[in-house]
Amino acid sequence: MAGLGEGTPPRVFIGSTVRDLHDLRSALHFWLGELGYDCFLSEYNDSDRVLGPGTYETCFERIRSSDLYVLLIGYQRGSLIGLDPARSITEAGYDEAYESHRAMGKPRLLPFIRKDVA
């Protein structure tokens, strides 16, 4: 799978709660990096923009520019956000990925749900 431009690696955004899935996120980040993918996670300071008041939009831009959006669903709900206090940042990120996919055909959505989660 080619990335955004000829010869560029595929870009992957990993969305999930951080607290309960940190080990899985880190392992996936490492494994995909070993395979040559560019991987983006919120807890890594790999953004080319300074984090601050526009942090959510920076995250959403990163989602829209990705080729793949991997959503990991575990037991916890993500932190609530100021943009819409009824939604978590994880939910907002998924919604952004879904709308971007509908509009532009990317990122491809790859959801993974723990087997024992209702």
C-alpha atoms as a PDB file:
ATOM      1  CA  MET A   1       0.000   0.000   0.000  1.00  0.00           C
ATOM      2  CA  ALA A   2       1.480   3.313  -1.038  1.00  0.00           C
ATOM      3  CA  GLY A   3       1.289   6.333   1.182  1.00  0.00           C
ATOM      4  CA  LEU A   4       0.130   9.819   0.322  1.00  0.00           C
ATOM      5  CA  GLY A   5       2.719  10.358  -2.369  1.00  0.00           C
ATOM      6  CA  GLU A   6       4.800   8.149  -4.592  1.00  0.00           C
ATOM      7  CA  GLY A   7       7.402   6.396  -2.497  1.00  0.00           C
ATOM      8  CA  THR A   8       6.044   7.597   0.833  1.00  0.00           C
ATOM      9  CA  PRO A   9       5.155   5.093   3.537  1.00  0.00           C
ATOM     10  CA  PRO A  10       1.502   4.554   4.454  1.00  0.00           C
ATOM     11  CA  ARG A  11       0.318   6.745   7.315  1.00  0.00           C
ATOM     12  CA  VAL A  12      -1.597   5.152  10.180  1.00  0.00           C
ATOM     13  CA  PHE A  13      -3.463   6.917  12.969  1.00  0.00           C
ATOM     14  CA  ILE A  14      -4.154   4.766  16.037  1.00  0.00           C
ATOM     15  CA  GLY A  15      -7.253   5.831  17.949  1.00  0.00           C
ATOM     16  CA  SER A  16      -8.205   4.446  21.345  1.00  0.00           C
ATOM     17  CA  THR A  17      -8.182   5.299  25.006  1.00  0.00           C
ATOM     18  CA  VAL A  18      -4.625   5.661  26.227  1.00  0.00           C
ATOM     19  CA  ARG A  19      -4.898   4.575  29.851  1.00  0.00           C
ATOM     20  CA  ASP A  20      -6.240   1.054  29.372  1.00  0.00           C
ATOM     21  CA  LEU A  21      -4.665   0.294  25.985  1.00  0.00           C
ATOM     22  CA  HIS A  22      -1.249   1.945  26.313  1.00  0.00           C
ATOM     23  CA  ASP A  23       0.691  -1.329  26.002  1.00  0.00           C
ATOM     24  CA  LEU A  24      -1.248  -2.389  22.904  1.00  0.00           C
ATOM     25  CA  ARG A  25      -0.870   1.061  21.318  1.00  0.00           C
ATOM     26  CA  SER A  26       2.884   1.053  21.962  1.00  0.00           C
ATOM     27  CA  ALA A  27       3.306  -2.462  20.562  1.00  0.00           C
ATOM     28  CA  LEU A  28       1.268  -1.623  17.452  1.00  0.00           C
ATOM     29  CA  HIS A  29       3.241   1.608  16.983  1.00  0.00           C
ATOM     30  CA  PHE A  30       6.518  -0.326  17.169  1.00  0.00           C
ATOM     31  CA  TRP A  31       5.362  -3.179  14.899  1.00  0.00           C
ATOM     32  CA  LEU A  32       3.948  -0.889  12.215  1.00  0.00           C
ATOM     33  CA  GLY A  33       7.089   1.249  12.371  1.00  0.00           C
ATOM     34  CA  GLU A  34       9.198  -1.863  11.805  1.00  0.00           C
ATOM     35  CA  LEU A  35       7.094  -2.577   8.704  1.00  0.00           C
ATOM     36  CA  GLY A  36       7.809   0.911   7.372  1.00  0.00           C
ATOM     37  CA  TYR A  37       4.522   2.644   8.229  1.00  0.00           C
ATOM     38  CA  ASP A  38       4.349   6.179   9.615  1.00  0.00           C
ATOM     39  CA  CYS A  39       2.335   5.799  12.813  1.00  0.00           C
ATOM     40  CA  PHE A  40       0.637   8.563  14.762  1.00  0.00           C
ATOM     41  CA  LEU A  41      -0.584   8.366  18.348  1.00  0.00           C
ATOM     42  CA  SER A  42      -1.785  11.237  20.501  1.00  0.00           C
ATOM     43  CA  GLU A  43       0.708  10.559  23.292  1.00  0.00           C
ATOM     44  CA  TYR A  44       3.744  10.792  20.998  1.00  0.00           C
ATOM     45  CA  ASN A  45       5.061  14.260  20.248  1.00  0.00           C
ATOM     46  CA  ASP A  46       5.348  13.625  16.510  1.00  0.00           C
ATOM     47  CA  SER A  47       3.142  16.481  15.392  1.00  0.00           C
ATOM     48  CA  ASP A  48       4.642  19.186  13.221  1.00  0.00           C
ATOM     49  CA  ARG A  49       2.379  21.732  14.956  1.00  0.00           C
ATOM     50  CA  VAL A  50       2.761  23.018  18.478  1.00  0.00           C
ATOM     51  CA  LEU A  51       0.160  21.497  20.757  1.00  0.00           C
ATOM     52  CA  GLY A  52      -2.149  23.993  22.419  1.00  0.00           C
ATOM     53  CA  PRO A  53      -5.658  25.364  21.942  1.00  0.00           C
ATOM     54  CA  GLY A  54      -5.848  23.821  18.446  1.00  0.00           C
ATOM     55  CA  THR A  55      -4.799  20.384  19.672  1.00  0.00           C
ATOM     56  CA  TYR A  56      -8.083  18.740  18.663  1.00  0.00           C
ATOM     57  CA  GLU A  57      -7.900  20.210  15.168  1.00  0.00           C
ATOM     58  CA  THR A  58      -4.253  19.136  14.859  1.00  0.00           C
ATOM     59  CA  CYS A  59      -5.344  15.606  15.786  1.00  0.00           C
ATOM     60  CA  PHE A  60      -8.215  15.714  13.278  1.00  0.00           C
ATOM     61  CA  GLU A  61      -5.880  16.962  10.532  1.00  0.00           C
ATOM     62  CA  ARG A  62      -3.582  14.042  11.268  1.00  0.00           C
ATOM     63  CA  ILE A  63      -6.554  11.651  11.006  1.00  0.00           C
ATOM     64  CA  ARG A  64      -7.702  13.129   7.674  1.00  0.00           C
ATOM     65  CA  SER A  65      -4.199  12.893   6.218  1.00  0.00           C
ATOM     66  CA  SER A  66      -3.773   9.242   7.214  1.00  0.00           C
ATOM     67  CA  ASP A  67      -4.228   6.271   4.917  1.00  0.00           C
ATOM     68  CA  LEU A  68      -5.497   4.027   7.730  1.00  0.00           C
ATOM     69  CA  TYR A  69      -7.370   4.722  10.958  1.00  0.00           C
ATOM     70  CA  VAL A  70      -7.004   1.884  13.462  1.00  0.00           C
ATOM     71  CA  LEU A  71      -9.596   2.068  16.230  1.00  0.00           C
ATOM     72  CA  LEU A  72      -8.968  -0.052  19.318  1.00  0.00           C
ATOM     73  CA  ILE A  73     -11.993  -0.452  21.585  1.00  0.00           C
ATOM     74  CA  GLY A  74     -11.487  -1.675  25.128  1.00  0.00           C
ATOM     75  CA  TYR A  75     -13.229  -1.247  28.449  1.00  0.00           C
ATOM     76  CA  GLN A  76     -12.898   2.476  29.102  1.00  0.00           C
ATOM     77  CA  ARG A  77     -14.466   5.490  27.495  1.00  0.00           C
ATOM     78  CA  GLY A  78     -12.108   8.227  26.384  1.00  0.00           C
ATOM     79  CA  SER A  79     -11.802  11.622  28.025  1.00  0.00           C
ATOM     80  CA  LEU A  80     -14.633  14.032  27.341  1.00  0.00           C
ATOM     81  CA  ILE A  81     -13.775  17.012  25.176  1.00  0.00           C
ATOM     82  CA  GLY A  82     -14.737  20.653  25.296  1.00  0.00           C
ATOM     83  CA  LEU A  83     -15.995  20.665  21.706  1.00  0.00           C
ATOM     84  CA  ASP A  84     -18.963  18.487  22.679  1.00  0.00           C
ATOM     85  CA  PRO A  85     -19.045  17.356  26.304  1.00  0.00           C
ATOM     86  CA  ALA A  86     -21.320  14.417  25.408  1.00  0.00           C
ATOM     87  CA  ARG A  87     -18.567  12.830  23.259  1.00  0.00           C
ATOM     88  CA  SER A  88     -15.132  11.538  24.104  1.00  0.00           C
ATOM     89  CA  ILE A  89     -12.041  12.455  22.110  1.00  0.00           C
ATOM     90  CA  THR A  90     -11.946   8.836  20.884  1.00  0.00           C
ATOM     91  CA  GLU A  91     -15.524   9.126  19.584  1.00  0.00           C
ATOM     92  CA  ALA A  92     -14.776  12.481  17.955  1.00  0.00           C
ATOM     93  CA  GLY A  93     -11.672  11.031  16.285  1.00  0.00           C
ATOM     94  CA  TYR A  94     -13.624   8.093  14.895  1.00  0.00           C
ATOM     95  CA  ASP A  95     -16.365  10.429  13.629  1.00  0.00           C
ATOM     96  CA  GLU A  96     -13.706  12.542  11.905  1.00  0.00           C
ATOM     97  CA  ALA A  97     -12.178   9.445  10.276  1.00  0.00           C
ATOM     98  CA  TYR A  98     -15.601   8.192   9.172  1.00  0.00           C
ATOM     99  CA  GLU A  99     -16.628  11.526   7.628  1.00  0.00           C
ATOM    100  CA  SER A 100     -13.254  11.894   5.923  1.00  0.00           C
ATOM    101  CA  HIS A 101     -13.565   8.381   4.486  1.00  0.00           C
ATOM    102  CA  ARG A 102     -17.051   9.152   3.167  1.00  0.00           C
ATOM    103  CA  ALA A 103     -15.861  12.406   1.573  1.00  0.00           C
ATOM    104  CA  MET A 104     -12.386  11.435   0.299  1.00  0.00           C
ATOM    105  CA  GLY A 105     -12.155   7.641   0.500  1.00  0.00           C
ATOM    106  CA  LYS A 106      -9.513   7.785   3.227  1.00  0.00           C
ATOM    107  CA  PRO A 107      -8.508   6.886   5.780  1.00  0.00           C
ATOM    108  CA  ARG A 108      -9.601   3.279   5.630  1.00  0.00           C
ATOM    109  CA  LEU A 109     -11.253   2.358   8.916  1.00  0.00           C
ATOM    110  CA  LEU A 110      -9.982  -0.677  10.795  1.00  0.00           C
ATOM    111  CA  PRO A 111     -11.887  -1.161  14.074  1.00  0.00           C
ATOM    112  CA  PHE A 112     -10.793  -3.800  16.591  1.00  0.00           C
ATOM    113  CA  ILE A 113     -12.956  -4.599  19.630  1.00  0.00           C
ATOM    114  CA  ARG A 114     -11.876  -6.723  22.599  1.00  0.00           C
ATOM    115  CA  LYS A 115     -13.726  -9.996  22.426  1.00  0.00           C
ATOM    116  CA  ASP A 116     -15.276  -9.714  25.872  1.00  0.00           C
ATOM    117  CA  VAL A 117     -16.500  -6.106  25.490  1.00  0.00           C
ATOM    118  CA  ALA A 118     -20.299  -6.000  25.238  1.00  0.00           C
END
